[in-house]
């Protein structure tokens, strides 16, 4: 029997009921030290609950593919406001699709949905103050406090989202969704060199030192660009 004060409260935002059901069943059977505090399918509801000190879980499990908004944006909006709760991104897509953007958004790690045993290990790892990066990619995941500070520093930088051309905005939106330069070139039917040239121009307009910082600026104020 696990004492209530030792129970880790887990929040889940995922629009896949099968994933929620499988994880719930697995935790009940193998991990009594983790209790699901709530599950929601909408990113906006997850943000609301995580910013409410009475509803905030000890760890948030955030799916990257949601119906109402990008999972990356959910992570960023929460982390910008609070350093108090670790966030683990989960996805059914190859992790390299989302790992760079979700690390820049302030998550403490990313993991594949299908490996429930590793999901549990990752939850414990980030709850204890660590990070989880088994992607093999050079993604700069940070602790909650570090990520919160970095995001708030980035939002103090000067930016001019409105000055972006439609093509530059399209490129940045695809980067924010986790696409590589090659993927962007294929999606927009332009050369990789053109993507790189437009990216350099876009970074200069936003006053961003890196693609990650540009994504942070974009998610904060540019997602309604037409």
Protein backbone atom coordinates (compact mmCIF):
# COMPACT_ATOMS: atom_id res chain seq x y z
CA UNK A 1 0.00 0.00 0.00
CA UNK A 2 1.45 3.36 -1.07
CA UNK A 3 0.95 6.30 1.30
CA UNK A 4 -0.99 9.20 -0.24
CA UNK A 5 1.88 11.62 0.29
CA UNK A 6 4.12 9.35 -1.79
CA UNK A 7 1.74 9.13 -4.76
CA UNK A 8 2.79 10.95 -7.92
CA UNK A 9 -0.19 12.74 -9.50
CA UNK A 10 -0.14 12.52 -13.30
CA UNK A 11 -2.06 14.72 -15.73
CA UNK A 12 -2.57 13.56 -19.32
CA UNK A 13 -3.58 15.53 -22.41
CA UNK A 14 -4.13 13.21 -25.35
CA UNK A 15 -6.94 12.94 -27.89
CA UNK A 16 -6.33 9.20 -28.28
CA UNK A 17 -8.64 7.38 -25.85
CA UNK A 18 -6.81 4.09 -26.54
CA UNK A 19 -3.54 5.57 -25.28
CA UNK A 20 -5.20 6.92 -22.14
CA UNK A 21 -6.90 3.58 -21.49
CA UNK A 22 -3.73 1.54 -22.04
CA UNK A 23 -1.64 3.75 -19.77
CA UNK A 24 -4.32 3.79 -17.07
CA UNK A 25 -4.54 0.00 -17.08
CA UNK A 26 -0.74 -0.36 -17.04
CA UNK A 27 -0.34 2.00 -14.08
CA UNK A 28 -3.03 0.27 -12.06
CA UNK A 29 -1.39 -3.08 -12.65
CA UNK A 30 2.30 -2.21 -12.32
CA UNK A 31 2.78 1.24 -10.78
CA UNK A 32 0.57 2.06 -7.78
CA UNK A 33 2.90 4.96 -6.91
CA UNK A 34 1.50 6.89 -9.90
CA UNK A 35 -2.12 8.03 -9.87
CA UNK A 36 -3.83 9.71 -12.81
CA UNK A 37 -5.21 12.99 -11.48
CA UNK A 38 -7.08 13.87 -14.68
CA UNK A 39 -7.14 13.28 -18.42
CA UNK A 40 -8.26 15.76 -21.09
CA UNK A 41 -8.32 15.73 -24.87
CA UNK A 42 -8.00 19.49 -25.46
CA UNK A 43 -4.75 21.41 -25.14
CA UNK A 44 -6.46 24.55 -23.86
CA UNK A 45 -8.08 22.63 -21.01
CA UNK A 46 -4.72 21.12 -20.06
CA UNK A 47 -3.17 24.59 -19.92
CA UNK A 48 -5.99 25.79 -17.67
CA UNK A 49 -5.60 22.86 -15.26
CA UNK A 50 -1.81 23.07 -15.12
CA UNK A 51 -1.89 26.77 -14.27
CA UNK A 52 -4.39 26.17 -11.45
CA UNK A 53 -2.40 25.41 -8.29
CA UNK A 54 -5.20 23.22 -6.94
CA UNK A 55 -5.46 21.15 -10.14
CA UNK A 56 -1.81 21.12 -11.21
CA UNK A 57 -0.41 17.55 -11.39
CA UNK A 58 3.10 16.55 -10.33
CA UNK A 59 3.91 15.63 -13.96
CA UNK A 60 2.12 16.37 -17.24
CA UNK A 61 2.11 13.84 -20.07
CA UNK A 62 1.46 15.82 -23.27
CA UNK A 63 0.64 14.32 -26.65
CA UNK A 64 2.10 16.22 -29.59
CA UNK A 65 -0.89 15.70 -31.89
CA UNK A 66 -4.02 17.36 -30.50
CA UNK A 67 -7.23 18.49 -32.16
CA UNK A 68 -7.43 22.08 -30.93
CA UNK A 69 -3.78 23.18 -30.95
CA UNK A 70 -0.23 21.91 -31.39
CA UNK A 71 1.14 19.93 -28.46
CA UNK A 72 4.35 21.94 -28.71
CA UNK A 73 2.36 25.11 -28.10
CA UNK A 74 0.67 23.56 -25.05
CA UNK A 75 4.09 22.81 -23.58
CA UNK A 76 5.41 26.27 -24.28
CA UNK A 77 2.42 28.16 -22.86
CA UNK A 78 2.59 26.19 -19.64
CA UNK A 79 6.36 26.39 -19.24
CA UNK A 80 6.40 30.12 -19.94
CA UNK A 81 4.07 30.63 -16.98
CA UNK A 82 5.41 28.13 -14.44
CA UNK A 83 8.62 26.25 -13.56
CA UNK A 84 6.82 24.04 -11.03
CA UNK A 85 5.75 21.01 -13.06
CA UNK A 86 7.81 18.69 -15.30
CA UNK A 87 6.37 17.96 -18.75
CA UNK A 88 6.98 14.78 -20.75
CA UNK A 89 6.06 14.90 -24.44
CA UNK A 90 4.70 11.70 -26.00
CA UNK A 91 4.09 10.89 -29.64
CA UNK A 92 3.20 8.07 -31.98
CA UNK A 93 5.33 9.69 -34.70
CA UNK A 94 9.13 9.27 -34.96
CA UNK A 95 10.53 11.31 -32.09
CA UNK A 96 12.82 13.36 -34.33
CA UNK A 97 9.71 15.00 -35.80
CA UNK A 98 8.96 16.80 -32.54
CA UNK A 99 12.06 16.54 -30.34
CA UNK A 100 13.82 19.78 -31.44
CA UNK A 101 10.74 21.99 -31.16
CA UNK A 102 9.43 20.47 -27.93
CA UNK A 103 12.83 20.82 -26.24
CA UNK A 104 12.83 24.51 -27.22
CA UNK A 105 9.27 24.80 -25.91
CA UNK A 106 10.39 23.77 -22.42
CA UNK A 107 9.56 20.06 -22.01
CA UNK A 108 11.83 17.85 -19.93
CA UNK A 109 11.83 14.98 -22.41
CA UNK A 110 10.04 13.13 -25.19
CA UNK A 111 9.16 9.47 -25.58
CA UNK A 112 7.25 7.12 -27.86
CA UNK A 113 3.71 6.21 -26.79
CA UNK A 114 4.10 2.53 -27.54
CA UNK A 115 6.74 1.84 -24.87
CA UNK A 116 4.67 2.07 -21.67
CA UNK A 117 7.44 0.68 -19.47
CA UNK A 118 9.83 3.41 -20.61
CA UNK A 119 7.09 6.03 -20.29
CA UNK A 120 6.85 5.18 -16.58
CA UNK A 121 10.63 5.35 -16.15
CA UNK A 122 10.69 8.72 -17.89
CA UNK A 123 7.89 10.06 -15.66
CA UNK A 124 9.87 9.16 -12.55
CA UNK A 125 13.10 10.59 -14.00
CA UNK A 126 11.71 14.04 -14.75
CA UNK A 127 9.71 14.10 -11.50
CA UNK A 128 13.00 13.66 -9.65
CA UNK A 129 14.44 16.72 -11.37
CA UNK A 130 16.09 15.13 -14.38
CA UNK A 131 15.51 15.10 -18.12
CA UNK A 132 14.73 12.30 -20.56
CA UNK A 133 16.33 12.24 -24.00
CA UNK A 134 16.71 8.82 -25.62
CA UNK A 135 16.18 10.10 -29.15
CA UNK A 136 19.83 10.00 -30.19
CA UNK A 137 19.40 13.63 -31.28
CA UNK A 138 21.32 16.62 -29.95
CA UNK A 139 18.29 18.25 -28.35
CA UNK A 140 18.87 20.63 -25.45
CA UNK A 141 16.31 19.47 -22.90
CA UNK A 142 16.47 21.39 -19.62
CA UNK A 143 15.06 21.11 -16.12
CA UNK A 144 11.79 22.94 -15.38
CA UNK A 145 13.54 25.90 -13.80
CA UNK A 146 16.12 26.26 -16.56
CA UNK A 147 13.51 25.95 -19.34
CA UNK A 148 11.24 28.51 -17.67
CA UNK A 149 14.09 31.00 -17.36
CA UNK A 150 15.24 30.47 -20.96
CA UNK A 151 11.75 30.98 -22.37
CA UNK A 152 11.19 34.16 -20.40
CA UNK A 153 14.58 35.51 -21.48
CA UNK A 154 13.66 34.77 -25.11
CA UNK A 155 10.37 36.68 -24.90
CA UNK A 156 12.26 39.80 -23.82
CA UNK A 157 14.09 39.89 -27.17
CA UNK A 158 12.90 42.35 -29.87
CA UNK A 159 10.90 40.74 -32.69
CA UNK A 160 8.83 41.70 -35.71
CA UNK A 161 6.57 38.79 -36.64
CA UNK A 162 4.40 41.01 -38.83
CA UNK A 163 7.34 41.70 -41.16
CA UNK A 164 7.62 38.05 -42.25
CA UNK A 165 6.58 37.17 -45.77
CA UNK A 166 3.99 34.45 -46.30
CA UNK A 167 6.74 32.01 -47.36
CA UNK A 168 8.91 32.84 -44.33
CA UNK A 169 5.90 32.33 -42.06
CA UNK A 170 5.14 28.98 -43.72
CA UNK A 171 8.70 27.83 -43.14
CA UNK A 172 8.67 28.87 -39.49
CA UNK A 173 5.31 27.19 -38.91
CA UNK A 174 6.69 23.92 -40.32
CA UNK A 175 9.80 24.24 -38.14
CA UNK A 176 7.51 24.74 -35.14
CA UNK A 177 5.80 21.45 -36.04
CA UNK A 178 9.16 19.66 -35.86
CA UNK A 179 10.05 19.44 -39.57
CA UNK A 180 13.65 19.53 -40.77
CA UNK A 181 14.88 21.81 -43.56
CA UNK A 182 14.65 18.88 -45.99
CA UNK A 183 11.07 18.17 -44.96
CA UNK A 184 10.21 21.86 -45.30
CA UNK A 185 11.67 21.99 -48.81
CA UNK A 186 9.63 18.95 -49.83
CA UNK A 187 6.44 20.28 -48.26
CA UNK A 188 6.74 23.69 -49.95
CA UNK A 189 8.32 22.37 -53.18
CA UNK A 190 11.35 24.64 -52.95
CA UNK A 191 15.07 23.83 -52.72
CA UNK A 192 16.85 23.26 -49.41
CA UNK A 193 19.15 26.21 -50.24
CA UNK A 194 16.10 28.45 -50.63
CA UNK A 195 14.79 27.24 -47.27
CA UNK A 196 18.12 28.08 -45.64
CA UNK A 197 18.28 31.52 -47.27
CA UNK A 198 14.74 32.38 -46.18
CA UNK A 199 15.45 31.03 -42.70
CA UNK A 200 18.47 33.32 -42.33
CA UNK A 201 16.36 36.29 -43.45
CA UNK A 202 13.56 35.29 -41.07
CA UNK A 203 15.94 35.00 -38.11
CA UNK A 204 17.25 38.50 -38.81
CA UNK A 205 13.74 39.97 -38.95
CA UNK A 206 12.80 38.35 -35.64
CA UNK A 207 16.04 39.26 -33.92
CA UNK A 208 16.50 35.56 -33.13
CA UNK A 209 19.89 33.96 -32.61
CA UNK A 210 18.67 30.44 -33.42
CA UNK A 211 15.84 28.54 -35.02
CA UNK A 212 14.65 27.46 -31.57
CA UNK A 213 14.39 31.05 -30.41
CA UNK A 214 12.51 31.96 -33.58
CA UNK A 215 10.04 29.14 -32.92
CA UNK A 216 9.50 30.44 -29.39
CA UNK A 217 8.77 33.93 -30.73
CA UNK A 218 6.46 32.51 -33.39
CA UNK A 219 4.44 30.38 -30.96
CA UNK A 220 4.09 33.34 -28.62
CA UNK A 221 2.67 35.74 -31.17
CA UNK A 222 2.79 34.57 -34.73
CA UNK A 223 0.43 31.61 -35.08
CA UNK A 224 -2.36 33.80 -36.48
CA UNK A 225 -0.21 35.09 -39.33
CA UNK A 226 -2.08 34.90 -42.63
